[in-house]
Amino acid sequence: MTSLRRAGALLSACMLAASLAACGSPEPAEQGSGTLTVFAAASLRQAFTELAGTFEEQHPGTTVVLNFAGSSDLATQILEGAPADSFASADTANMDKLRAASLLSGRPVDFATNVLTIAVPPENPAGISSFADLARPGATVVACAPQVPCGAAAEKAAAAAGTRLAPASEESSVTDVLGKILSGEADAGLVYATDAKAAAGKVRSVPFAESGAAVNTYPIAAVGSGTRQDLAAGFIGLVTGSEGRRILGAARFGQPCGPSA
């Protein structure tokens, strides 16, 4: 009888476990740890620095290493073998370079949009009030190089405005353009609205209608097939989730429309 009682108890325990599993009994979530390396467009610095802090709080023992630069420079670094677990680009063209080279471990997800604005010193000494003013003789204007997403957007905006730009210098990232304005080396520069917001008080933003013809869409994807892919997927989930949308929205990024890349 004792053996039968033991067998019955064991059977009951197994049935209870099966019942709990069938009802979706929660299991402790696995907490990944280690170092997650994220390559991100320079315009994402403020938002991704905050998101990285949030991710580290959610994943104790994890350190997020952020590498910010122009998207074309970042794509080149990854193509040349630089270790990255995730890549967030300011355009789809540079993400497509990695996809063509079979360096992505998942499908890119569009998570934000951005538009250009004209950044001028607070006193606006050149009196810039429109996109056409950027072509005015005597105005020192800086922009991103054409291969950089903000430079490609500037060319689209110029075409929409019917204006030919002749920048005094072409920079490798939008933060370099902003730096020229902050240092007093230029009268105006084409930067993202998000960068102008981050520098509010140090520069003045001059919006222009033609910016709508050059909206940049930002995709993010996991890179390679290393041991940090679980962390990369988690970070992408944070960026594309409600908290990511909140932080990006506060930085003045827009939300993408339509299906992901």
C-alpha atoms as a PDB file:
ATOM      1  CA  MET A   1       0.000   0.000   0.000  1.00  0.00           C
ATOM      2  CA  THR A   2       2.872   2.284   0.808  1.00  0.00           C
ATOM      3  CA  SER A   3       4.253   1.787  -2.719  1.00  0.00           C
ATOM      4  CA  LEU A   4       0.848   2.513  -4.206  1.00  0.00           C
ATOM      5  CA  ARG A   5       0.493   5.701  -2.162  1.00  0.00           C
ATOM      6  CA  ARG A   6       3.934   6.848  -3.290  1.00  0.00           C
ATOM      7  CA  ALA A   7       3.102   6.094  -6.897  1.00  0.00           C
ATOM      8  CA  GLY A   8      -0.181   7.968  -6.547  1.00  0.00           C
ATOM      9  CA  ALA A   9       1.552  10.986  -5.028  1.00  0.00           C
ATOM     10  CA  LEU A  10       4.122  11.002  -7.808  1.00  0.00           C
ATOM     11  CA  LEU A  11       1.409  10.788 -10.426  1.00  0.00           C
ATOM     12  CA  SER A  12      -0.492  13.671  -8.798  1.00  0.00           C
ATOM     13  CA  ALA A  13       2.628  15.803  -8.725  1.00  0.00           C
ATOM     14  CA  CYS A  14       3.297  15.131 -12.402  1.00  0.00           C
ATOM     15  CA  MET A  15      -0.308  15.956 -13.286  1.00  0.00           C
ATOM     16  CA  LEU A  16      -0.114  19.195 -11.296  1.00  0.00           C
ATOM     17  CA  ALA A  17       3.094  20.208 -13.069  1.00  0.00           C
ATOM     18  CA  ALA A  18       1.568  19.433 -16.439  1.00  0.00           C
ATOM     19  CA  SER A  19      -1.553  21.393 -15.501  1.00  0.00           C
ATOM     20  CA  LEU A  20       0.501  24.454 -14.512  1.00  0.00           C
ATOM     21  CA  ALA A  21       2.488  24.274 -17.736  1.00  0.00           C
ATOM     22  CA  ALA A  22      -0.675  24.011 -19.779  1.00  0.00           C
ATOM     23  CA  CYS A  23      -2.065  27.093 -18.034  1.00  0.00           C
ATOM     24  CA  GLY A  24       1.011  29.081 -18.985  1.00  0.00           C
ATOM     25  CA  SER A  25       2.684  29.156 -15.577  1.00  0.00           C
ATOM     26  CA  PRO A  26       5.392  31.862 -15.840  1.00  0.00           C
ATOM     27  CA  GLU A  27       8.996  30.806 -15.824  1.00  0.00           C
ATOM     28  CA  PRO A  28      11.868  33.042 -14.725  1.00  0.00           C
ATOM     29  CA  ALA A  29      13.178  35.023 -17.696  1.00  0.00           C
ATOM     30  CA  GLU A  30      16.786  34.354 -18.593  1.00  0.00           C
ATOM     31  CA  GLN A  31      18.955  37.390 -17.993  1.00  0.00           C
ATOM     32  CA  GLY A  32      21.715  37.672 -20.552  1.00  0.00           C
ATOM     33  CA  SER A  33      24.940  39.279 -19.450  1.00  0.00           C
ATOM     34  CA  GLY A  34      28.170  40.426 -20.998  1.00  0.00           C
ATOM     35  CA  THR A  35      29.094  43.235 -23.370  1.00  0.00           C
ATOM     36  CA  LEU A  36      26.768  44.352 -26.145  1.00  0.00           C
ATOM     37  CA  THR A  37      28.389  46.490 -28.854  1.00  0.00           C
ATOM     38  CA  VAL A  38      26.005  48.788 -30.695  1.00  0.00           C
ATOM     39  CA  PHE A  39      27.050  50.822 -33.745  1.00  0.00           C
ATOM     40  CA  ALA A  40      24.652  53.737 -34.180  1.00  0.00           C
ATOM     41  CA  ALA A  41      24.289  56.807 -36.374  1.00  0.00           C
ATOM     42  CA  ALA A  42      25.677  59.978 -34.801  1.00  0.00           C
ATOM     43  CA  SER A  43      22.223  61.562 -34.693  1.00  0.00           C
ATOM     44  CA  LEU A  44      21.110  58.828 -32.263  1.00  0.00           C
ATOM     45  CA  ARG A  45      23.648  59.731 -29.575  1.00  0.00           C
ATOM     46  CA  GLN A  46      21.267  61.280 -27.052  1.00  0.00           C
ATOM     47  CA  ALA A  47      18.433  58.775 -27.468  1.00  0.00           C
ATOM     48  CA  PHE A  48      20.625  55.660 -27.600  1.00  0.00           C
ATOM     49  CA  THR A  49      22.701  56.739 -24.610  1.00  0.00           C
ATOM     50  CA  GLU A  50      19.482  56.839 -22.603  1.00  0.00           C
ATOM     51  CA  LEU A  51      18.267  53.552 -24.086  1.00  0.00           C
ATOM     52  CA  ALA A  52      21.593  51.883 -23.284  1.00  0.00           C
ATOM     53  CA  GLY A  53      21.237  52.935 -19.645  1.00  0.00           C
ATOM     54  CA  THR A  54      17.723  51.519 -19.538  1.00  0.00           C
ATOM     55  CA  PHE A  55      18.892  48.243 -21.096  1.00  0.00           C
ATOM     56  CA  GLU A  56      21.692  47.865 -18.561  1.00  0.00           C
ATOM     57  CA  GLU A  57      19.192  48.370 -15.738  1.00  0.00           C
ATOM     58  CA  GLN A  58      16.960  45.677 -17.224  1.00  0.00           C
ATOM     59  CA  HIS A  59      19.881  43.280 -17.732  1.00  0.00           C
ATOM     60  CA  PRO A  60      22.153  43.318 -14.675  1.00  0.00           C
ATOM     61  CA  GLY A  61      25.702  42.370 -15.542  1.00  0.00           C
ATOM     62  CA  THR A  62      25.399  43.688 -19.094  1.00  0.00           C
ATOM     63  CA  THR A  63      27.430  46.601 -20.444  1.00  0.00           C
ATOM     64  CA  VAL A  64      26.343  48.369 -23.622  1.00  0.00           C
ATOM     65  CA  VAL A  65      29.252  49.808 -25.614  1.00  0.00           C
ATOM     66  CA  LEU A  66      28.090  52.496 -28.051  1.00  0.00           C
ATOM     67  CA  ASN A  67      30.002  53.514 -31.169  1.00  0.00           C
ATOM     68  CA  PHE A  68      28.588  56.652 -32.800  1.00  0.00           C
ATOM     69  CA  ALA A  69      29.657  57.937 -36.224  1.00  0.00           C
ATOM     70  CA  GLY A  70      28.272  58.650 -39.668  1.00  0.00           C
ATOM     71  CA  SER A  71      26.283  55.666 -40.935  1.00  0.00           C
ATOM     72  CA  SER A  72      28.506  55.207 -43.983  1.00  0.00           C
ATOM     73  CA  ASP A  73      31.618  55.120 -41.773  1.00  0.00           C
ATOM     74  CA  LEU A  74      29.987  52.586 -39.444  1.00  0.00           C
ATOM     75  CA  ALA A  75      28.921  50.351 -42.331  1.00  0.00           C
ATOM     76  CA  THR A  76      32.482  50.440 -43.695  1.00  0.00           C
ATOM     77  CA  GLN A  77      33.895  49.531 -40.285  1.00  0.00           C
ATOM     78  CA  ILE A  78      31.592  46.515 -40.023  1.00  0.00           C
ATOM     79  CA  LEU A  79      32.340  45.434 -43.598  1.00  0.00           C
ATOM     80  CA  GLU A  80      36.038  45.558 -42.718  1.00  0.00           C
ATOM     81  CA  GLY A  81      35.540  43.299 -39.710  1.00  0.00           C
ATOM     82  CA  ALA A  82      34.870  45.622 -36.777  1.00  0.00           C
ATOM     83  CA  PRO A  83      32.999  43.724 -34.029  1.00  0.00           C
ATOM     84  CA  ALA A  84      29.408  44.894 -33.716  1.00  0.00           C
ATOM     85  CA  ASP A  85      26.369  43.118 -32.322  1.00  0.00           C
ATOM     86  CA  SER A  86      23.798  45.594 -33.602  1.00  0.00           C
ATOM     87  CA  PHE A  87      23.737  48.387 -36.176  1.00  0.00           C
ATOM     88  CA  ALA A  88      21.334  51.326 -36.260  1.00  0.00           C
ATOM     89  CA  SER A  89      21.639  53.340 -39.463  1.00  0.00           C
ATOM     90  CA  ALA A  90      20.254  56.751 -40.382  1.00  0.00           C
ATOM     91  CA  ASP A  91      19.213  55.368 -43.762  1.00  0.00           C
ATOM     92  CA  THR A  92      18.374  52.103 -45.472  1.00  0.00           C
ATOM     93  CA  ALA A  93      21.168  52.348 -48.060  1.00  0.00           C
ATOM     94  CA  ASN A  94      23.969  51.667 -45.578  1.00  0.00           C
ATOM     95  CA  MET A  95      21.995  48.874 -43.918  1.00  0.00           C
ATOM     96  CA  ASP A  96      21.528  47.334 -47.364  1.00  0.00           C
ATOM     97  CA  LYS A  97      25.316  47.178 -47.778  1.00  0.00           C
ATOM     98  CA  LEU A  98      25.539  44.843 -44.782  1.00  0.00           C
ATOM     99  CA  ARG A  99      22.550  42.816 -45.923  1.00  0.00           C
ATOM    100  CA  ALA A 100      24.144  42.357 -49.368  1.00  0.00           C
ATOM    101  CA  ALA A 101      27.324  41.155 -47.673  1.00  0.00           C
ATOM    102  CA  SER A 102      25.303  38.633 -45.591  1.00  0.00           C
ATOM    103  CA  LEU A 103      26.471  40.253 -42.361  1.00  0.00           C
ATOM    104  CA  LEU A 104      23.038  40.599 -40.755  1.00  0.00           C
ATOM    105  CA  SER A 105      21.562  37.849 -38.603  1.00  0.00           C
ATOM    106  CA  GLY A 106      18.014  39.118 -38.868  1.00  0.00           C
ATOM    107  CA  ARG A 107      15.706  41.312 -40.889  1.00  0.00           C
ATOM    108  CA  PRO A 108      16.221  45.063 -40.297  1.00  0.00           C
ATOM    109  CA  VAL A 109      13.399  46.817 -38.457  1.00  0.00           C
ATOM    110  CA  ASP A 110      12.524  50.461 -39.150  1.00  0.00           C
ATOM    111  CA  PHE A 111      12.237  52.306 -35.839  1.00  0.00           C
ATOM    112  CA  ALA A 112      12.417  56.073 -36.483  1.00  0.00           C
ATOM    113  CA  THR A 113      12.381  58.852 -39.040  1.00  0.00           C
ATOM    114  CA  ASN A 114      14.135  62.206 -39.137  1.00  0.00           C
ATOM    115  CA  VAL A 115      14.086  65.391 -41.200  1.00  0.00           C
ATOM    116  CA  LEU A 116      16.562  68.161 -41.797  1.00  0.00           C
ATOM    117  CA  THR A 117      16.467  71.670 -40.438  1.00  0.00           C
ATOM    118  CA  ILE A 118      18.817  74.625 -40.831  1.00  0.00           C
ATOM    119  CA  ALA A 119      20.914  75.316 -37.752  1.00  0.00           C
ATOM    120  CA  VAL A 120      22.222  78.851 -37.280  1.00  0.00           C
ATOM    121  CA  PRO A 121      23.907  80.662 -34.374  1.00  0.00           C
ATOM    122  CA  PRO A 122      21.389  82.118 -31.900  1.00  0.00           C
ATOM    123  CA  GLU A 123      21.869  85.631 -33.297  1.00  0.00           C
ATOM    124  CA  ASN A 124      21.660  84.364 -36.921  1.00  0.00           C
ATOM    125  CA  PRO A 125      24.161  86.936 -38.256  1.00  0.00           C
ATOM    126  CA  ALA A 126      23.634  85.929 -41.897  1.00  0.00           C
ATOM    127  CA  GLY A 127      19.864  86.373 -41.648  1.00  0.00           C
ATOM    128  CA  ILE A 128      19.074  82.851 -42.915  1.00  0.00           C
ATOM    129  CA  SER A 129      15.305  82.365 -43.075  1.00  0.00           C
ATOM    130  CA  SER A 130      14.794  79.862 -45.915  1.00  0.00           C
ATOM    131  CA  PHE A 131      16.539  77.078 -47.794  1.00  0.00           C
ATOM    132  CA  ALA A 132      17.162  79.438 -50.722  1.00  0.00           C
ATOM    133  CA  ASP A 133      19.159  81.700 -48.393  1.00  0.00           C
ATOM    134  CA  LEU A 134      21.783  78.961 -48.096  1.00  0.00           C
ATOM    135  CA  ALA A 135      22.871  79.707 -51.678  1.00  0.00           C
ATOM    136  CA  ARG A 136      23.184  83.430 -51.050  1.00  0.00           C
ATOM    137  CA  PRO A 137      26.639  84.905 -51.802  1.00  0.00           C
ATOM    138  CA  GLY A 138      28.681  85.450 -48.665  1.00  0.00           C
ATOM    139  CA  ALA A 139      26.862  82.862 -46.542  1.00  0.00           C
ATOM    140  CA  THR A 140      29.197  80.203 -45.125  1.00  0.00           C
ATOM    141  CA  VAL A 141      27.246  76.943 -45.150  1.00  0.00           C
ATOM    142  CA  VAL A 142      28.286  73.441 -44.055  1.00  0.00           C
ATOM    143  CA  ALA A 143      26.574  70.131 -44.795  1.00  0.00           C
ATOM    144  CA  CYS A 144      27.232  66.422 -44.622  1.00  0.00           C
ATOM    145  CA  ALA A 145      29.108  64.700 -47.429  1.00  0.00           C
ATOM    146  CA  PRO A 146      26.796  63.122 -50.054  1.00  0.00           C
ATOM    147  CA  GLN A 147      27.626  59.545 -48.991  1.00  0.00           C
ATOM    148  CA  VAL A 148      26.408  60.281 -45.454  1.00  0.00           C
ATOM    149  CA  PRO A 149      22.623  60.005 -44.927  1.00  0.00           C
ATOM    150  CA  CYS A 150      22.283  63.652 -43.861  1.00  0.00           C
ATOM    151  CA  GLY A 151      24.220  64.657 -46.985  1.00  0.00           C
ATOM    152  CA  ALA A 152      22.023  62.574 -49.269  1.00  0.00           C
ATOM    153  CA  ALA A 153      18.982  64.160 -47.620  1.00  0.00           C
ATOM    154  CA  ALA A 154      20.466  67.634 -48.178  1.00  0.00           C
ATOM    155  CA  GLU A 155      20.819  66.911 -51.890  1.00  0.00           C
ATOM    156  CA  LYS A 156      17.178  65.793 -52.091  1.00  0.00           C
ATOM    157  CA  ALA A 157      16.045  68.921 -50.267  1.00  0.00           C
ATOM    158  CA  ALA A 158      18.128  71.119 -52.580  1.00  0.00           C
ATOM    159  CA  ALA A 159      16.573  69.458 -55.623  1.00  0.00           C
ATOM    160  CA  ALA A 160      13.087  69.989 -54.193  1.00  0.00           C
ATOM    161  CA  ALA A 161      13.896  73.648 -53.541  1.00  0.00           C
ATOM    162  CA  GLY A 162      15.503  74.153 -56.929  1.00  0.00           C
ATOM    163  CA  THR A 163      18.579  75.446 -55.143  1.00  0.00           C
ATOM    164  CA  ARG A 164      22.208  74.566 -55.810  1.00  0.00           C
ATOM    165  CA  LEU A 165      24.303  74.306 -52.651  1.00  0.00           C
ATOM    166  CA  ALA A 166      28.038  74.972 -52.506  1.00  0.00           C
ATOM    167  CA  PRO A 167      29.034  74.021 -48.937  1.00  0.00           C
ATOM    168  CA  ALA A 168      32.212  75.505 -47.492  1.00  0.00           C
ATOM    169  CA  SER A 169      32.894  72.034 -46.105  1.00  0.00           C
ATOM    170  CA  GLU A 170      31.310  68.579 -46.276  1.00  0.00           C
ATOM    171  CA  GLU A 171      31.424  66.661 -43.006  1.00  0.00           C
ATOM    172  CA  SER A 172      31.375  62.943 -42.232  1.00  0.00           C
ATOM    173  CA  SER A 173      28.576  63.170 -39.669  1.00  0.00           C
ATOM    174  CA  VAL A 174      25.761  65.476 -38.650  1.00  0.00           C
ATOM    175  CA  THR A 175      27.455  66.162 -35.307  1.00  0.00           C
ATOM    176  CA  ASP A 176      30.477  67.514 -37.185  1.00  0.00           C
ATOM    177  CA  VAL A 177      28.203  69.913 -39.059  1.00  0.00           C
ATOM    178  CA  LEU A 178      26.674  71.045 -35.778  1.00  0.00           C
ATOM    179  CA  GLY A 179      30.166  71.493 -34.362  1.00  0.00           C
ATOM    180  CA  LYS A 180      31.002  73.992 -37.104  1.00  0.00           C
ATOM    181  CA  ILE A 181      28.004  76.095 -36.103  1.00  0.00           C
ATOM    182  CA  LEU A 182      28.788  75.888 -32.403  1.00  0.00           C
ATOM    183  CA  SER A 183      32.398  76.931 -32.987  1.00  0.00           C
ATOM    184  CA  GLY A 184      31.381  79.928 -35.085  1.00  0.00           C
ATOM    185  CA  GLU A 185      33.016  78.574 -38.252  1.00  0.00           C
ATOM    186  CA  ALA A 186      29.814  78.714 -40.304  1.00  0.00           C
ATOM    187  CA  ASP A 187      26.712  80.861 -40.685  1.00  0.00           C
ATOM    188  CA  ALA A 188      24.430  77.880 -41.203  1.00  0.00           C
ATOM    189  CA  GLY A 189      24.424  74.106 -41.445  1.00  0.00           C
ATOM    190  CA  LEU A 190      22.002  71.388 -42.464  1.00  0.00           C
ATOM    191  CA  VAL A 191      21.402  69.092 -39.504  1.00  0.00           C
ATOM    192  CA  TYR A 192      18.620  66.829 -38.297  1.00  0.00           C
ATOM    193  CA  ALA A 193      15.792  68.365 -36.310  1.00  0.00           C
ATOM    194  CA  THR A 194      16.767  66.059 -33.447  1.00  0.00           C
ATOM    195  CA  ASP A 195      20.292  67.487 -33.297  1.00  0.00           C
ATOM    196  CA  ALA A 196      19.007  71.055 -33.328  1.00  0.00           C
ATOM    197  CA  LYS A 197      16.672  70.193 -30.451  1.00  0.00           C
ATOM    198  CA  ALA A 198      19.527  68.654 -28.463  1.00  0.00           C
ATOM    199  CA  ALA A 199      21.533  71.866 -28.962  1.00  0.00           C
ATOM    200  CA  ALA A 200      18.630  74.205 -28.176  1.00  0.00           C
ATOM    201  CA  GLY A 201      19.895  77.467 -26.748  1.00  0.00           C
ATOM    202  CA  LYS A 202      23.221  77.056 -28.511  1.00  0.00           C
ATOM    203  CA  VAL A 203      21.786  77.124 -32.029  1.00  0.00           C
ATOM    204  CA  ARG A 204      18.552  78.301 -33.578  1.00  0.00           C
ATOM    205  CA  SER A 205      16.518  76.014 -35.832  1.00  0.00           C
ATOM    206  CA  VAL A 206      15.159  77.357 -39.110  1.00  0.00           C
ATOM    207  CA  PRO A 207      12.634  74.802 -40.488  1.00  0.00           C
ATOM    208  CA  PHE A 208      11.999  74.703 -44.218  1.00  0.00           C
ATOM    209  CA  ALA A 209       9.184  73.159 -46.236  1.00  0.00           C
ATOM    210  CA  GLU A 210      11.483  71.217 -48.570  1.00  0.00           C
ATOM    211  CA  SER A 211      12.620  68.998 -45.680  1.00  0.00           C
ATOM    212  CA  GLY A 212       9.506  66.923 -46.293  1.00  0.00           C
ATOM    213  CA  ALA A 213      11.017  65.744 -49.582  1.00  0.00           C
ATOM    214  CA  ALA A 214      13.973  64.192 -47.741  1.00  0.00           C
ATOM    215  CA  VAL A 215      12.691  62.118 -44.832  1.00  0.00           C
ATOM    216  CA  ASN A 216      15.260  59.608 -43.576  1.00  0.00           C
ATOM    217  CA  THR A 217      14.102  56.244 -42.230  1.00  0.00           C
ATOM    218  CA  TYR A 218      16.239  54.560 -39.565  1.00  0.00           C
ATOM    219  CA  PRO A 219      16.540  50.732 -39.515  1.00  0.00           C
ATOM    220  CA  ILE A 220      18.194  48.586 -36.821  1.00  0.00           C
ATOM    221  CA  ALA A 221      19.387  44.989 -37.095  1.00  0.00           C
ATOM    222  CA  ALA A 222      21.518  42.388 -35.349  1.00  0.00           C
ATOM    223  CA  VAL A 223      24.929  41.846 -36.917  1.00  0.00           C
ATOM    224  CA  GLY A 224      26.721  38.515 -37.376  1.00  0.00           C
ATOM    225  CA  SER A 225      25.958  35.309 -35.523  1.00  0.00           C
ATOM    226  CA  GLY A 226      27.995  35.699 -32.333  1.00  0.00           C
ATOM    227  CA  THR A 227      27.163  34.788 -28.760  1.00  0.00           C
ATOM    228  CA  ARG A 228      25.524  38.161 -28.073  1.00  0.00           C
ATOM    229  CA  GLN A 229      22.597  37.716 -30.446  1.00  0.00           C
ATOM    230  CA  ASP A 230      20.184  37.235 -27.538  1.00  0.00           C
ATOM    231  CA  LEU A 231      21.279  40.571 -26.112  1.00  0.00           C
ATOM    232  CA  ALA A 232      21.126  42.210 -29.542  1.00  0.00           C
ATOM    233  CA  ALA A 233      17.558  40.990 -29.999  1.00  0.00           C
ATOM    234  CA  GLY A 234      16.668  42.333 -26.556  1.00  0.00           C
ATOM    235  CA  PHE A 235      18.132  45.737 -27.313  1.00  0.00           C
ATOM    236  CA  ILE A 236      16.309  45.904 -30.647  1.00  0.00           C
ATOM    237  CA  GLY A 237      13.109  45.021 -28.806  1.00  0.00           C
ATOM    238  CA  LEU A 238      13.706  47.908 -26.402  1.00  0.00           C
ATOM    239  CA  VAL A 239      14.377  50.363 -29.234  1.00  0.00           C
ATOM    240  CA  THR A 240      11.263  49.344 -31.171  1.00  0.00           C
ATOM    241  CA  GLY A 241       9.021  48.951 -28.118  1.00  0.00           C
ATOM    242  CA  SER A 242       6.997  51.476 -26.152  1.00  0.00           C
ATOM    243  CA  GLU A 243       9.927  52.757 -24.082  1.00  0.00           C
ATOM    244  CA  GLY A 244      12.037  53.215 -27.188  1.00  0.00           C
ATOM    245  CA  ARG A 245       9.223  55.099 -28.915  1.00  0.00           C
ATOM    246  CA  ARG A 246       8.866  57.343 -25.877  1.00  0.00           C
ATOM    247  CA  ILE A 247      12.573  58.204 -25.702  1.00  0.00           C
ATOM    248  CA  LEU A 248      12.907  58.675 -29.450  1.00  0.00           C
ATOM    249  CA  GLY A 249       9.753  60.790 -29.564  1.00  0.00           C
ATOM    250  CA  ALA A 250      11.065  63.032 -26.794  1.00  0.00           C
ATOM    251  CA  ALA A 251      14.193  63.569 -28.912  1.00  0.00           C
ATOM    252  CA  ARG A 252      11.863  64.600 -31.796  1.00  0.00           C
ATOM    253  CA  PHE A 253      12.300  61.510 -33.967  1.00  0.00           C
ATOM    254  CA  GLY A 254       9.251  60.530 -35.974  1.00  0.00           C
ATOM    255  CA  GLN A 255       7.725  57.082 -36.269  1.00  0.00           C
ATOM    256  CA  PRO A 256       8.191  55.096 -39.489  1.00  0.00           C
ATOM    257  CA  CYS A 257       5.230  54.349 -41.722  1.00  0.00           C
ATOM    258  CA  GLY A 258       4.583  51.131 -43.597  1.00  0.00           C
ATOM    259  CA  PRO A 259       6.400  47.775 -43.327  1.00  0.00           C
ATOM    260  CA  SER A 260       9.942  47.413 -42.067  1.00  0.00           C
ATOM    261  CA  ALA A 261      12.902  47.113 -44.413  1.00  0.00           C
END
